[in-house]
Amino acid sequence: MDGSVLLTPLQKLLEFFQKDRHHKDAQKDAALLAVSEAINATLKYEEESGGQKGFDRAQEYKLSQLWSDASVKVRHISRDLSRRLGEKTEYWADKLEWAPSELVERKIRLVEIRQAFRDLLRDA
């Protein structure tokens, strides 16, 4: 049996796995960028608002959308973080009316989200 007969299917299999790997890497990159964008926009907003609730509801809705986008994209990497980012989405949409203890319990304070982001970045 000619070795080239086996080579073509193996090459196709290798190409498939390379494309799959590239696709997964692209998904991870998109997720990490989305989380980073949401973190940075939130930090900027918190600095500008001085911690005042309802400072700019239009901007808070934009932050909610950024967290939602990050939640969807990160689901390929971490279901737990995706869930937490989804809760962060609700927090911003709900006029920031959650008790501080609820933020701690759900692990959605910015400090915890930033640590989870660093962990993902390290492991990516």
PDB file of N, CA and C in Angstrom:
ATOM      1  N   MET A   1       0.840  -1.178   0.000  1.00  0.00           N
ATOM      2  CA  MET A   1       0.000   0.000   0.000  1.00  0.00           C
ATOM      3  C   MET A   1       0.886   1.243   0.000  1.00  0.00           C
ATOM      4  N   ASP A   2       0.533   2.150  -0.834  1.00  0.00           N
ATOM      5  CA  ASP A   2       1.289   3.388  -1.000  1.00  0.00           C
ATOM      6  C   ASP A   2       1.036   4.310   0.202  1.00  0.00           C
ATOM      7  N   GLY A   3       2.098   4.854   0.789  1.00  0.00           N
ATOM      8  CA  GLY A   3       1.991   5.729   1.952  1.00  0.00           C
ATOM      9  C   GLY A   3       1.244   7.014   1.652  1.00  0.00           C
ATOM     10  N   SER A   4       1.251   7.444   0.389  1.00  0.00           N
ATOM     11  CA  SER A   4       0.563   8.685   0.039  1.00  0.00           C
ATOM     12  C   SER A   4      -0.954   8.548   0.159  1.00  0.00           C
ATOM     13  N   VAL A   5      -1.450   7.315   0.102  1.00  0.00           N
ATOM     14  CA  VAL A   5      -2.886   7.085   0.258  1.00  0.00           C
ATOM     15  C   VAL A   5      -3.323   7.473   1.671  1.00  0.00           C
ATOM     16  N   LEU A   6      -2.482   7.214   2.644  1.00  0.00           N
ATOM     17  CA  LEU A   6      -2.790   7.569   4.030  1.00  0.00           C
ATOM     18  C   LEU A   6      -2.481   9.029   4.338  1.00  0.00           C
ATOM     19  N   LEU A   7      -1.533   9.583   3.613  1.00  0.00           N
ATOM     20  CA  LEU A   7      -1.080  10.934   3.895  1.00  0.00           C
ATOM     21  C   LEU A   7      -2.183  11.973   3.673  1.00  0.00           C
ATOM     22  N   THR A   8      -2.934  11.865   2.616  1.00  0.00           N
ATOM     23  CA  THR A   8      -3.970  12.853   2.316  1.00  0.00           C
ATOM     24  C   THR A   8      -5.030  12.928   3.413  1.00  0.00           C
ATOM     25  N   PRO A   9      -5.603  11.807   3.864  1.00  0.00           N
ATOM     26  CA  PRO A   9      -6.574  11.908   4.963  1.00  0.00           C
ATOM     27  C   PRO A   9      -5.956  12.467   6.249  1.00  0.00           C
ATOM     28  N   LEU A  10      -4.711  12.114   6.516  1.00  0.00           N
ATOM     29  CA  LEU A  10      -4.049  12.645   7.711  1.00  0.00           C
ATOM     30  C   LEU A  10      -3.826  14.147   7.597  1.00  0.00           C
ATOM     31  N   GLN A  11      -3.476  14.602   6.402  1.00  0.00           N
ATOM     32  CA  GLN A  11      -3.294  16.040   6.194  1.00  0.00           C
ATOM     33  C   GLN A  11      -4.612  16.786   6.415  1.00  0.00           C
ATOM     34  N   LYS A  12      -5.690  16.203   5.904  1.00  0.00           N
ATOM     35  CA  LYS A  12      -7.000  16.841   6.071  1.00  0.00           C
ATOM     36  C   LYS A  12      -7.405  16.879   7.544  1.00  0.00           C
ATOM     37  N   LEU A  13      -7.117  15.812   8.251  1.00  0.00           N
ATOM     38  CA  LEU A  13      -7.418  15.766   9.678  1.00  0.00           C
ATOM     39  C   LEU A  13      -6.607  16.818  10.434  1.00  0.00           C
ATOM     40  N   LEU A  14      -5.334  16.937  10.099  1.00  0.00           N
ATOM     41  CA  LEU A  14      -4.478  17.943  10.721  1.00  0.00           C
ATOM     42  C   LEU A  14      -4.991  19.351  10.424  1.00  0.00           C
ATOM     43  N   GLU A  15      -5.384  19.605   9.187  1.00  0.00           N
ATOM     44  CA  GLU A  15      -5.927  20.913   8.819  1.00  0.00           C
ATOM     45  C   GLU A  15      -7.187  21.226   9.623  1.00  0.00           C
ATOM     46  N   PHE A  16      -8.035  20.214   9.796  1.00  0.00           N
ATOM     47  CA  PHE A  16      -9.264  20.405  10.569  1.00  0.00           C
ATOM     48  C   PHE A  16      -8.936  20.834  11.997  1.00  0.00           C
ATOM     49  N   PHE A  17      -8.014  20.112  12.631  1.00  0.00           N
ATOM     50  CA  PHE A  17      -7.671  20.431  14.017  1.00  0.00           C
ATOM     51  C   PHE A  17      -6.984  21.791  14.132  1.00  0.00           C
ATOM     52  N   GLN A  18      -6.200  22.164  13.130  1.00  0.00           N
ATOM     53  CA  GLN A  18      -5.561  23.480  13.153  1.00  0.00           C
ATOM     54  C   GLN A  18      -6.611  24.587  13.044  1.00  0.00           C
ATOM     55  N   LYS A  19      -7.594  24.390  12.163  1.00  0.00           N
ATOM     56  CA  LYS A  19      -8.658  25.385  12.013  1.00  0.00           C
ATOM     57  C   LYS A  19      -9.489  25.471  13.287  1.00  0.00           C
ATOM     58  N   ASP A  20      -9.778  24.308  13.877  1.00  0.00           N
ATOM     59  CA  ASP A  20     -10.548  24.282  15.116  1.00  0.00           C
ATOM     60  C   ASP A  20      -9.793  25.006  16.229  1.00  0.00           C
ATOM     61  N   ARG A  21      -8.506  24.773  16.314  1.00  0.00           N
ATOM     62  CA  ARG A  21      -7.669  25.428  17.327  1.00  0.00           C
ATOM     63  C   ARG A  21      -7.651  26.939  17.115  1.00  0.00           C
ATOM     64  N   HIS A  22      -7.505  27.341  15.852  1.00  0.00           N
ATOM     65  CA  HIS A  22      -7.498  28.769  15.530  1.00  0.00           C
ATOM     66  C   HIS A  22      -8.839  29.404  15.920  1.00  0.00           C
ATOM     67  N   HIS A  23      -9.938  28.699  15.625  1.00  0.00           N
ATOM     68  CA  HIS A  23     -11.271  29.208  15.963  1.00  0.00           C
ATOM     69  C   HIS A  23     -11.415  29.369  17.482  1.00  0.00           C
ATOM     70  N   LYS A  24     -10.968  28.375  18.236  1.00  0.00           N
ATOM     71  CA  LYS A  24     -11.056  28.449  19.695  1.00  0.00           C
ATOM     72  C   LYS A  24     -10.183  29.567  20.249  1.00  0.00           C
ATOM     73  N   ASP A  25      -8.995  29.743  19.674  1.00  0.00           N
ATOM     74  CA  ASP A  25      -8.123  30.839  20.107  1.00  0.00           C
ATOM     75  C   ASP A  25      -8.781  32.187  19.825  1.00  0.00           C
ATOM     76  N   ALA A  26      -9.422  32.305  18.668  1.00  0.00           N
ATOM     77  CA  ALA A  26     -10.108  33.550  18.313  1.00  0.00           C
ATOM     78  C   ALA A  26     -11.269  33.817  19.269  1.00  0.00           C
ATOM     79  N   GLN A  27     -11.990  32.767  19.658  1.00  0.00           N
ATOM     80  CA  GLN A  27     -13.080  32.920  20.628  1.00  0.00           C
ATOM     81  C   GLN A  27     -12.541  33.401  21.975  1.00  0.00           C
ATOM     82  N   LYS A  28     -11.446  32.817  22.419  1.00  0.00           N
ATOM     83  CA  LYS A  28     -10.847  33.227  23.695  1.00  0.00           C
ATOM     84  C   LYS A  28     -10.410  34.684  23.638  1.00  0.00           C
ATOM     85  N   ASP A  29      -9.748  35.055  22.538  1.00  0.00           N
ATOM     86  CA  ASP A  29      -9.296  36.435  22.395  1.00  0.00           C
ATOM     87  C   ASP A  29     -10.473  37.405  22.425  1.00  0.00           C
ATOM     88  N   ALA A  30     -11.545  37.080  21.708  1.00  0.00           N
ATOM     89  CA  ALA A  30     -12.729  37.945  21.674  1.00  0.00           C
ATOM     90  C   ALA A  30     -13.349  38.063  23.064  1.00  0.00           C
ATOM     91  N   ALA A  31     -13.388  36.961  23.790  1.00  0.00           N
ATOM     92  CA  ALA A  31     -13.950  36.974  25.144  1.00  0.00           C
ATOM     93  C   ALA A  31     -13.103  37.836  26.074  1.00  0.00           C
ATOM     94  N   LEU A  32     -11.800  37.646  26.018  1.00  0.00           N
ATOM     95  CA  LEU A  32     -10.909  38.421  26.881  1.00  0.00           C
ATOM     96  C   LEU A  32     -10.988  39.911  26.562  1.00  0.00           C
ATOM     97  N   LEU A  33     -11.067  40.244  25.292  1.00  0.00           N
ATOM     98  CA  LEU A  33     -11.195  41.653  24.904  1.00  0.00           C
ATOM     99  C   LEU A  33     -12.516  42.245  25.386  1.00  0.00           C
ATOM    100  N   ALA A  34     -13.591  41.472  25.293  1.00  0.00           N
ATOM    101  CA  ALA A  34     -14.899  41.958  25.739  1.00  0.00           C
ATOM    102  C   ALA A  34     -14.908  42.207  27.248  1.00  0.00           C
ATOM    103  N   VAL A  35     -14.317  41.300  28.005  1.00  0.00           N
ATOM    104  CA  VAL A  35     -14.250  41.481  29.462  1.00  0.00           C
ATOM    105  C   VAL A  35     -13.383  42.697  29.793  1.00  0.00           C
ATOM    106  N   SER A  36     -12.262  42.818  29.114  1.00  0.00           N
ATOM    107  CA  SER A  36     -11.371  43.957  29.341  1.00  0.00           C
ATOM    108  C   SER A  36     -12.076  45.278  29.037  1.00  0.00           C
ATOM    109  N   GLU A  37     -12.820  45.309  27.946  1.00  0.00           N
ATOM    110  CA  GLU A  37     -13.546  46.528  27.581  1.00  0.00           C
ATOM    111  C   GLU A  37     -14.582  46.888  28.650  1.00  0.00           C
ATOM    112  N   ALA A  38     -15.307  45.893  29.136  1.00  0.00           N
ATOM    113  CA  ALA A  38     -16.319  46.148  30.169  1.00  0.00           C
ATOM    114  C   ALA A  38     -15.665  46.627  31.468  1.00  0.00           C
ATOM    115  N   ILE A  39     -14.566  46.006  31.839  1.00  0.00           N
ATOM    116  CA  ILE A  39     -13.850  46.421  33.052  1.00  0.00           C
ATOM    117  C   ILE A  39     -13.389  47.869  32.925  1.00  0.00           C
ATOM    118  N   ASN A  40     -12.731  48.187  31.817  1.00  0.00           N
ATOM    119  CA  ASN A  40     -12.185  49.537  31.647  1.00  0.00           C
ATOM    120  C   ASN A  40     -13.280  50.594  31.582  1.00  0.00           C
ATOM    121  N   ALA A  41     -14.376  50.298  30.887  1.00  0.00           N
ATOM    122  CA  ALA A  41     -15.487  51.252  30.811  1.00  0.00           C
ATOM    123  C   ALA A  41     -16.114  51.460  32.190  1.00  0.00           C
ATOM    124  N   THR A  42     -16.199  50.392  32.964  1.00  0.00           N
ATOM    125  CA  THR A  42     -16.762  50.491  34.315  1.00  0.00           C
ATOM    126  C   THR A  42     -15.851  51.311  35.226  1.00  0.00           C
ATOM    127  N   LEU A  43     -14.552  51.060  35.148  1.00  0.00           N
ATOM    128  CA  LEU A  43     -13.605  51.845  35.948  1.00  0.00           C
ATOM    129  C   LEU A  43     -13.711  53.331  35.615  1.00  0.00           C
ATOM    130  N   LYS A  44     -13.792  53.637  34.333  1.00  0.00           N
ATOM    131  CA  LYS A  44     -13.905  55.030  33.895  1.00  0.00           C
ATOM    132  C   LYS A  44     -15.193  55.655  34.428  1.00  0.00           C
ATOM    133  N   TYR A  45     -16.294  54.916  34.299  1.00  0.00           N
ATOM    134  CA  TYR A  45     -17.578  55.434  34.775  1.00  0.00           C
ATOM    135  C   TYR A  45     -17.555  55.661  36.285  1.00  0.00           C
ATOM    136  N   GLU A  46     -17.026  54.705  37.019  1.00  0.00           N
ATOM    137  CA  GLU A  46     -16.974  54.848  38.476  1.00  0.00           C
ATOM    138  C   GLU A  46     -16.122  56.048  38.884  1.00  0.00           C
ATOM    139  N   GLU A  47     -15.054  56.281  38.148  1.00  0.00           N
ATOM    140  CA  GLU A  47     -14.205  57.442  38.440  1.00  0.00           C
ATOM    141  C   GLU A  47     -14.960  58.739  38.149  1.00  0.00           C
ATOM    142  N   GLU A  48     -15.637  58.786  37.003  1.00  0.00           N
ATOM    143  CA  GLU A  48     -16.366  59.999  36.619  1.00  0.00           C
ATOM    144  C   GLU A  48     -17.559  60.275  37.532  1.00  0.00           C
ATOM    145  N   SER A  49     -18.234  59.211  37.970  1.00  0.00           N
ATOM    146  CA  SER A  49     -19.453  59.388  38.773  1.00  0.00           C
ATOM    147  C   SER A  49     -19.158  59.623  40.249  1.00  0.00           C
ATOM    148  N   GLY A  50     -17.948  59.309  40.671  1.00  0.00           N
ATOM    149  CA  GLY A  50     -17.609  59.443  42.084  1.00  0.00           C
ATOM    150  C   GLY A  50     -18.451  58.544  42.976  1.00  0.00           C
ATOM    151  N   GLY A  51     -18.956  57.463  42.404  1.00  0.00           N
ATOM    152  CA  GLY A  51     -19.759  56.513  43.175  1.00  0.00           C
ATOM    153  C   GLY A  51     -21.226  56.880  43.301  1.00  0.00           C
ATOM    154  N   GLN A  52     -21.640  57.957  42.640  1.00  0.00           N
ATOM    155  CA  GLN A  52     -23.033  58.404  42.705  1.00  0.00           C
ATOM    156  C   GLN A  52     -23.925  57.468  41.883  1.00  0.00           C
ATOM    157  N   LYS A  53     -24.961  56.917  42.518  1.00  0.00           N
ATOM    158  CA  LYS A  53     -25.903  56.038  41.814  1.00  0.00           C
ATOM    159  C   LYS A  53     -26.748  56.843  40.836  1.00  0.00           C
ATOM    160  N   GLY A  54     -27.009  56.270  39.671  1.00  0.00           N
ATOM    161  CA  GLY A  54     -27.851  56.931  38.686  1.00  0.00           C
ATOM    162  C   GLY A  54     -27.223  58.173  38.089  1.00  0.00           C
ATOM    163  N   PHE A  55     -25.911  58.282  38.172  1.00  0.00           N
ATOM    164  CA  PHE A  55     -25.175  59.445  37.670  1.00  0.00           C
ATOM    165  C   PHE A  55     -25.492  59.693  36.196  1.00  0.00           C
ATOM    166  N   ASP A  56     -25.494  58.636  35.402  1.00  0.00           N
ATOM    167  CA  ASP A  56     -25.777  58.731  33.967  1.00  0.00           C
ATOM    168  C   ASP A  56     -26.411  57.407  33.535  1.00  0.00           C
ATOM    169  N   ARG A  57     -27.765  57.356  33.589  1.00  0.00           N
ATOM    170  CA  ARG A  57     -28.456  56.096  33.292  1.00  0.00           C
ATOM    171  C   ARG A  57     -28.166  55.602  31.881  1.00  0.00           C
ATOM    172  N   ALA A  58     -28.007  56.491  30.929  1.00  0.00           N
ATOM    173  CA  ALA A  58     -27.696  56.055  29.564  1.00  0.00           C
ATOM    174  C   ALA A  58     -26.361  55.313  29.541  1.00  0.00           C
ATOM    175  N   GLN A  59     -25.390  55.836  30.259  1.00  0.00           N
ATOM    176  CA  GLN A  59     -24.081  55.176  30.325  1.00  0.00           C
ATOM    177  C   GLN A  59     -24.174  53.859  31.091  1.00  0.00           C
ATOM    178  N   GLU A  60     -25.005  53.822  32.113  1.00  0.00           N
ATOM    179  CA  GLU A  60     -25.180  52.575  32.869  1.00  0.00           C
ATOM    180  C   GLU A  60     -25.809  51.483  32.003  1.00  0.00           C
ATOM    181  N   TYR A  61     -26.723  51.865  31.127  1.00  0.00           N
ATOM    182  CA  TYR A  61     -27.281  50.881  30.187  1.00  0.00           C
ATOM    183  C   TYR A  61     -26.214  50.397  29.209  1.00  0.00           C
ATOM    184  N   LYS A  62     -25.337  51.301  28.795  1.00  0.00           N
ATOM    185  CA  LYS A  62     -24.231  50.885  27.915  1.00  0.00           C
ATOM    186  C   LYS A  62     -23.314  49.903  28.636  1.00  0.00           C
ATOM    187  N   LEU A  63     -23.044  50.179  29.903  1.00  0.00           N
ATOM    188  CA  LEU A  63     -22.224  49.252  30.689  1.00  0.00           C
ATOM    189  C   LEU A  63     -22.918  47.896  30.814  1.00  0.00           C
ATOM    190  N   SER A  64     -24.216  47.923  31.021  1.00  0.00           N
ATOM    191  CA  SER A  64     -24.982  46.680  31.095  1.00  0.00           C
ATOM    192  C   SER A  64     -24.814  45.880  29.803  1.00  0.00           C
ATOM    193  N   GLN A  65     -24.854  46.566  28.674  1.00  0.00           N
ATOM    194  CA  GLN A  65     -24.692  45.888  27.383  1.00  0.00           C
ATOM    195  C   GLN A  65     -23.272  45.342  27.213  1.00  0.00           C
ATOM    196  N   LEU A  66     -22.276  46.092  27.662  1.00  0.00           N
ATOM    197  CA  LEU A  66     -20.895  45.603  27.585  1.00  0.00           C
ATOM    198  C   LEU A  66     -20.716  44.338  28.417  1.00  0.00           C
ATOM    199  N   TRP A  67     -21.289  44.329  29.625  1.00  0.00           N
ATOM    200  CA  TRP A  67     -21.189  43.141  30.472  1.00  0.00           C
ATOM    201  C   TRP A  67     -21.950  41.970  29.860  1.00  0.00           C
ATOM    202  N   SER A  68     -23.070  42.258  29.221  1.00  0.00           N
ATOM    203  CA  SER A  68     -23.841  41.202  28.556  1.00  0.00           C
ATOM    204  C   SER A  68     -23.038  40.587  27.416  1.00  0.00           C
ATOM    205  N   ASP A  69     -22.424  41.434  26.615  1.00  0.00           N
ATOM    206  CA  ASP A  69     -21.593  40.962  25.502  1.00  0.00           C
ATOM    207  C   ASP A  69     -20.441  40.106  26.022  1.00  0.00           C
ATOM    208  N   ALA A  70     -19.809  40.565  27.088  1.00  0.00           N
ATOM    209  CA  ALA A  70     -18.702  39.804  27.679  1.00  0.00           C
ATOM    210  C   ALA A  70     -19.193  38.460  28.214  1.00  0.00           C
ATOM    211  N   SER A  71     -20.365  38.456  28.820  1.00  0.00           N
ATOM    212  CA  SER A  71     -20.933  37.219  29.363  1.00  0.00           C
ATOM    213  C   SER A  71     -21.150  36.185  28.266  1.00  0.00           C
ATOM    214  N   VAL A  72     -21.707  36.623  27.162  1.00  0.00           N
ATOM    215  CA  VAL A  72     -21.964  35.707  26.038  1.00  0.00           C
ATOM    216  C   VAL A  72     -20.655  35.164  25.483  1.00  0.00           C
ATOM    217  N   LYS A  73     -19.685  36.027  25.303  1.00  0.00           N
ATOM    218  CA  LYS A  73     -18.419  35.601  24.695  1.00  0.00           C
ATOM    219  C   LYS A  73     -17.583  34.722  25.618  1.00  0.00           C
ATOM    220  N   VAL A  74     -17.679  34.943  26.917  1.00  0.00           N
ATOM    221  CA  VAL A  74     -16.833  34.195  27.850  1.00  0.00           C
ATOM    222  C   VAL A  74     -17.402  32.800  28.159  1.00  0.00           C
ATOM    223  N   ARG A  75     -18.622  32.538  27.731  1.00  0.00           N
ATOM    224  CA  ARG A  75     -19.243  31.235  28.025  1.00  0.00           C
ATOM    225  C   ARG A  75     -18.455  30.080  27.431  1.00  0.00           C
ATOM    226  N   HIS A  76     -17.667  30.354  26.389  1.00  0.00           N
ATOM    227  CA  HIS A  76     -16.837  29.313  25.769  1.00  0.00           C
ATOM    228  C   HIS A  76     -15.625  28.966  26.634  1.00  0.00           C
ATOM    229  N   ILE A  77     -15.301  29.856  27.550  1.00  0.00           N
ATOM    230  CA  ILE A  77     -14.114  29.665  28.385  1.00  0.00           C
ATOM    231  C   ILE A  77     -14.485  29.242  29.803  1.00  0.00           C
ATOM    232  N   SER A  78     -15.459  29.936  30.388  1.00  0.00           N
ATOM    233  CA  SER A  78     -15.818  29.686  31.791  1.00  0.00           C
ATOM    234  C   SER A  78     -17.311  29.936  32.003  1.00  0.00           C
ATOM    235  N   ARG A  79     -18.024  28.878  32.275  1.00  0.00           N
ATOM    236  CA  ARG A  79     -19.470  29.021  32.531  1.00  0.00           C
ATOM    237  C   ARG A  79     -19.717  29.813  33.820  1.00  0.00           C
ATOM    238  N   ASP A  80     -18.887  29.601  34.821  1.00  0.00           N
ATOM    239  CA  ASP A  80     -19.056  30.324  36.079  1.00  0.00           C
ATOM    240  C   ASP A  80     -18.875  31.823  35.875  1.00  0.00           C
ATOM    241  N   LEU A  81     -17.816  32.213  35.200  1.00  0.00           N
ATOM    242  CA  LEU A  81     -17.594  33.641  34.966  1.00  0.00           C
ATOM    243  C   LEU A  81     -18.689  34.204  34.065  1.00  0.00           C
ATOM    244  N   SER A  82     -19.125  33.452  33.087  1.00  0.00           N
ATOM    245  CA  SER A  82     -20.210  33.899  32.219  1.00  0.00           C
ATOM    246  C   SER A  82     -21.466  34.200  33.037  1.00  0.00           C
ATOM    247  N   ARG A  83     -21.791  33.320  33.969  1.00  0.00           N
ATOM    248  CA  ARG A  83     -22.950  33.531  34.848  1.00  0.00           C
ATOM    249  C   ARG A  83     -22.768  34.804  35.670  1.00  0.00           C
ATOM    250  N   ARG A  84     -21.578  34.978  36.220  1.00  0.00           N
ATOM    251  CA  ARG A  84     -21.310  36.153  37.047  1.00  0.00           C
ATOM    252  C   ARG A  84     -21.393  37.440  36.230  1.00  0.00           C
ATOM    253  N   LEU A  85     -20.892  37.403  35.005  1.00  0.00           N
ATOM    254  CA  LEU A  85     -20.971  38.588  34.151  1.00  0.00           C
ATOM    255  C   LEU A  85     -22.421  38.879  33.773  1.00  0.00           C
ATOM    256  N   GLY A  86     -23.212  37.818  33.612  1.00  0.00           N
ATOM    257  CA  GLY A  86     -24.645  38.007  33.372  1.00  0.00           C
ATOM    258  C   GLY A  86     -25.315  38.705  34.546  1.00  0.00           C
ATOM    259  N   GLU A  87     -24.902  38.352  35.746  1.00  0.00           N
ATOM    260  CA  GLU A  87     -25.437  39.018  36.934  1.00  0.00           C
ATOM    261  C   GLU A  87     -24.953  40.464  37.010  1.00  0.00           C
ATOM    262  N   LYS A  88     -23.739  40.698  36.553  1.00  0.00           N
ATOM    263  CA  LYS A  88     -23.211  42.070  36.495  1.00  0.00           C
ATOM    264  C   LYS A  88     -24.066  42.898  35.521  1.00  0.00           C
ATOM    265  N   THR A  89     -24.491  42.271  34.432  1.00  0.00           N
ATOM    266  CA  THR A  89     -25.388  42.907  33.467  1.00  0.00           C
ATOM    267  C   THR A  89     -26.664  43.366  34.164  1.00  0.00           C
ATOM    268  N   GLU A  90     -27.263  42.459  34.930  1.00  0.00           N
ATOM    269  CA  GLU A  90     -28.502  42.776  35.648  1.00  0.00           C
ATOM    270  C   GLU A  90     -28.279  43.886  36.670  1.00  0.00           C
ATOM    271  N   TYR A  91     -27.150  43.842  37.343  1.00  0.00           N
ATOM    272  CA  TYR A  91     -26.829  44.857  38.346  1.00  0.00           C
ATOM    273  C   TYR A  91     -26.854  46.253  37.724  1.00  0.00           C
ATOM    274  N   TRP A  92     -26.202  46.419  36.576  1.00  0.00           N
ATOM    275  CA  TRP A  92     -26.169  47.733  35.942  1.00  0.00           C
ATOM    276  C   TRP A  92     -27.532  48.123  35.388  1.00  0.00           C
ATOM    277  N   ALA A  93     -28.286  47.162  34.898  1.00  0.00           N
ATOM    278  CA  ALA A  93     -29.615  47.459  34.360  1.00  0.00           C
ATOM    279  C   ALA A  93     -30.622  47.777  35.470  1.00  0.00           C
ATOM    280  N   ASP A  94     -30.395  47.236  36.666  1.00  0.00           N
ATOM    281  CA  ASP A  94     -31.327  47.405  37.792  1.00  0.00           C
ATOM    282  C   ASP A  94     -31.038  48.644  38.637  1.00  0.00           C
ATOM    283  N   LYS A  95     -30.450  49.634  38.066  1.00  0.00           N
ATOM    284  CA  LYS A  95     -30.180  50.904  38.760  1.00  0.00           C
ATOM    285  C   LYS A  95     -29.282  50.743  39.982  1.00  0.00           C
ATOM    286  N   LEU A  96     -28.411  49.759  39.964  1.00  0.00           N
ATOM    287  CA  LEU A  96     -27.425  49.573  41.031  1.00  0.00           C
ATOM    288  C   LEU A  96     -28.074  49.442  42.402  1.00  0.00           C
ATOM    289  N   GLU A  97     -29.220  48.819  42.463  1.00  0.00           N
ATOM    290  CA  GLU A  97     -29.996  48.753  43.701  1.00  0.00           C
ATOM    291  C   GLU A  97     -29.737  47.497  44.517  1.00  0.00           C
ATOM    292  N   TRP A  98     -28.683  46.792  44.254  1.00  0.00           N
ATOM    293  CA  TRP A  98     -28.386  45.573  44.998  1.00  0.00           C
ATOM    294  C   TRP A  98     -27.601  45.932  46.261  1.00  0.00           C
ATOM    295  N   ALA A  99     -27.827  45.171  47.297  1.00  0.00           N
ATOM    296  CA  ALA A  99     -27.097  45.377  48.554  1.00  0.00           C
ATOM    297  C   ALA A  99     -25.640  44.973  48.363  1.00  0.00           C
ATOM    298  N   PRO A 100     -24.719  45.668  49.030  1.00  0.00           N
ATOM    299  CA  PRO A 100     -23.306  45.294  48.929  1.00  0.00           C
ATOM    300  C   PRO A 100     -23.051  43.823  49.259  1.00  0.00           C
ATOM    301  N   SER A 101     -23.799  43.285  50.216  1.00  0.00           N
ATOM    302  CA  SER A 101     -23.616  41.871  50.575  1.00  0.00           C
ATOM    303  C   SER A 101     -23.981  40.941  49.411  1.00  0.00           C
ATOM    304  N   GLU A 102     -24.940  41.373  48.599  1.00  0.00           N
ATOM    305  CA  GLU A 102     -25.334  40.586  47.426  1.00  0.00           C
ATOM    306  C   GLU A 102     -24.207  40.557  46.387  1.00  0.00           C
ATOM    307  N   LEU A 103     -23.534  41.676  46.230  1.00  0.00           N
ATOM    308  CA  LEU A 103     -22.407  41.745  45.296  1.00  0.00           C
ATOM    309  C   LEU A 103     -21.291  40.810  45.740  1.00  0.00           C
ATOM    310  N   VAL A 104     -21.033  40.798  47.040  1.00  0.00           N
ATOM    311  CA  VAL A 104     -19.997  39.919  47.594  1.00  0.00           C
ATOM    312  C   VAL A 104     -20.399  38.463  47.405  1.00  0.00           C
ATOM    313  N   GLU A 105     -21.632  38.149  47.760  1.00  0.00           N
ATOM    314  CA  GLU A 105     -22.121  36.769  47.670  1.00  0.00           C
ATOM    315  C   GLU A 105     -22.061  36.241  46.236  1.00  0.00           C
ATOM    316  N   ARG A 106     -22.411  37.083  45.286  1.00  0.00           N
ATOM    317  CA  ARG A 106     -22.430  36.666  43.877  1.00  0.00           C
ATOM    318  C   ARG A 106     -21.060  36.774  43.205  1.00  0.00           C
ATOM    319  N   LYS A 107     -20.103  37.331  43.929  1.00  0.00           N
ATOM    320  CA  LYS A 107     -18.739  37.519  43.419  1.00  0.00           C
ATOM    321  C   LYS A 107     -18.728  38.349  42.132  1.00  0.00           C
ATOM    322  N   ILE A 108     -19.437  39.478  42.175  1.00  0.00           N
ATOM    323  CA  ILE A 108     -19.486  40.331  40.989  1.00  0.00           C
ATOM    324  C   ILE A 108     -18.945  41.736  41.239  1.00  0.00           C
ATOM    325  N   ARG A 109     -18.295  41.918  42.385  1.00  0.00           N
ATOM    326  CA  ARG A 109     -17.623  43.205  42.568  1.00  0.00           C
ATOM    327  C   ARG A 109     -16.508  43.293  41.533  1.00  0.00           C
ATOM    328  N   LEU A 110     -16.175  44.488  41.147  1.00  0.00           N
ATOM    329  CA  LEU A 110     -15.172  44.676  40.104  1.00  0.00           C
ATOM    330  C   LEU A 110     -13.840  44.039  40.477  1.00  0.00           C
ATOM    331  N   VAL A 111     -13.470  44.090  41.737  1.00  0.00           N
ATOM    332  CA  VAL A 111     -12.203  43.497  42.176  1.00  0.00           C
ATOM    333  C   VAL A 111     -12.192  41.990  41.897  1.00  0.00           C
ATOM    334  N   GLU A 112     -13.322  41.324  42.103  1.00  0.00           N
ATOM    335  CA  GLU A 112     -13.399  39.874  41.860  1.00  0.00           C
ATOM    336  C   GLU A 112     -13.431  39.552  40.372  1.00  0.00           C
ATOM    337  N   ILE A 113     -14.120  40.383  39.618  1.00  0.00           N
ATOM    338  CA  ILE A 113     -14.175  40.174  38.169  1.00  0.00           C
ATOM    339  C   ILE A 113     -12.786  40.397  37.563  1.00  0.00           C
ATOM    340  N   ARG A 114     -12.088  41.414  38.044  1.00  0.00           N
ATOM    341  CA  ARG A 114     -10.735  41.671  37.533  1.00  0.00           C
ATOM    342  C   ARG A 114      -9.797  40.510  37.838  1.00  0.00           C
ATOM    343  N   GLN A 115      -9.937  39.920  39.016  1.00  0.00           N
ATOM    344  CA  GLN A 115      -9.095  38.773  39.357  1.00  0.00           C
ATOM    345  C   GLN A 115      -9.420  37.581  38.461  1.00  0.00           C
ATOM    346  N   ALA A 116     -10.687  37.345  38.215  1.00  0.00           N
ATOM    347  CA  ALA A 116     -11.086  36.246  37.321  1.00  0.00           C
ATOM    348  C   ALA A 116     -10.551  36.488  35.914  1.00  0.00           C
ATOM    349  N   PHE A 117     -10.561  37.751  35.476  1.00  0.00           N
ATOM    350  CA  PHE A 117     -10.014  38.106  34.165  1.00  0.00           C
ATOM    351  C   PHE A 117      -8.515  37.812  34.120  1.00  0.00           C
ATOM    352  N   ARG A 118      -7.803  38.217  35.159  1.00  0.00           N
ATOM    353  CA  ARG A 118      -6.358  37.944  35.205  1.00  0.00           C
ATOM    354  C   ARG A 118      -6.083  36.443  35.173  1.00  0.00           C
ATOM    355  N   ASP A 119      -6.898  35.679  35.882  1.00  0.00           N
ATOM    356  CA  ASP A 119      -6.738  34.219  35.887  1.00  0.00           C
ATOM    357  C   ASP A 119      -6.951  33.641  34.490  1.00  0.00           C
ATOM    358  N   LEU A 120      -7.978  34.116  33.796  1.00  0.00           N
ATOM    359  CA  LEU A 120      -8.229  33.649  32.429  1.00  0.00           C
ATOM    360  C   LEU A 120      -7.091  34.037  31.501  1.00  0.00           C
ATOM    361  N   LEU A 121      -6.614  35.244  31.653  1.00  0.00           N
ATOM    362  CA  LEU A 121      -5.520  35.726  30.815  1.00  0.00           C
ATOM    363  C   LEU A 121      -4.265  34.892  31.027  1.00  0.00           C
ATOM    364  N   ARG A 122      -4.006  34.562  32.255  1.00  0.00           N
ATOM    365  CA  ARG A 122      -2.846  33.738  32.584  1.00  0.00           C
ATOM    366  C   ARG A 122      -2.981  32.334  31.994  1.00  0.00           C
ATOM    367  N   ASP A 123      -4.185  31.789  32.045  1.00  0.00           N
ATOM    368  CA  ASP A 123      -4.412  30.418  31.592  1.00  0.00           C
ATOM    369  C   ASP A 123      -4.665  30.301  30.092  1.00  0.00           C
ATOM    370  N   ALA A 124      -4.877  31.429  29.428  1.00  0.00           N
ATOM    371  CA  ALA A 124      -5.222  31.382  27.991  1.00  0.00           C
ATOM    372  C   ALA A 124      -4.031  31.032  27.126  1.00  0.00           C
TER     373      ALA A 124
END
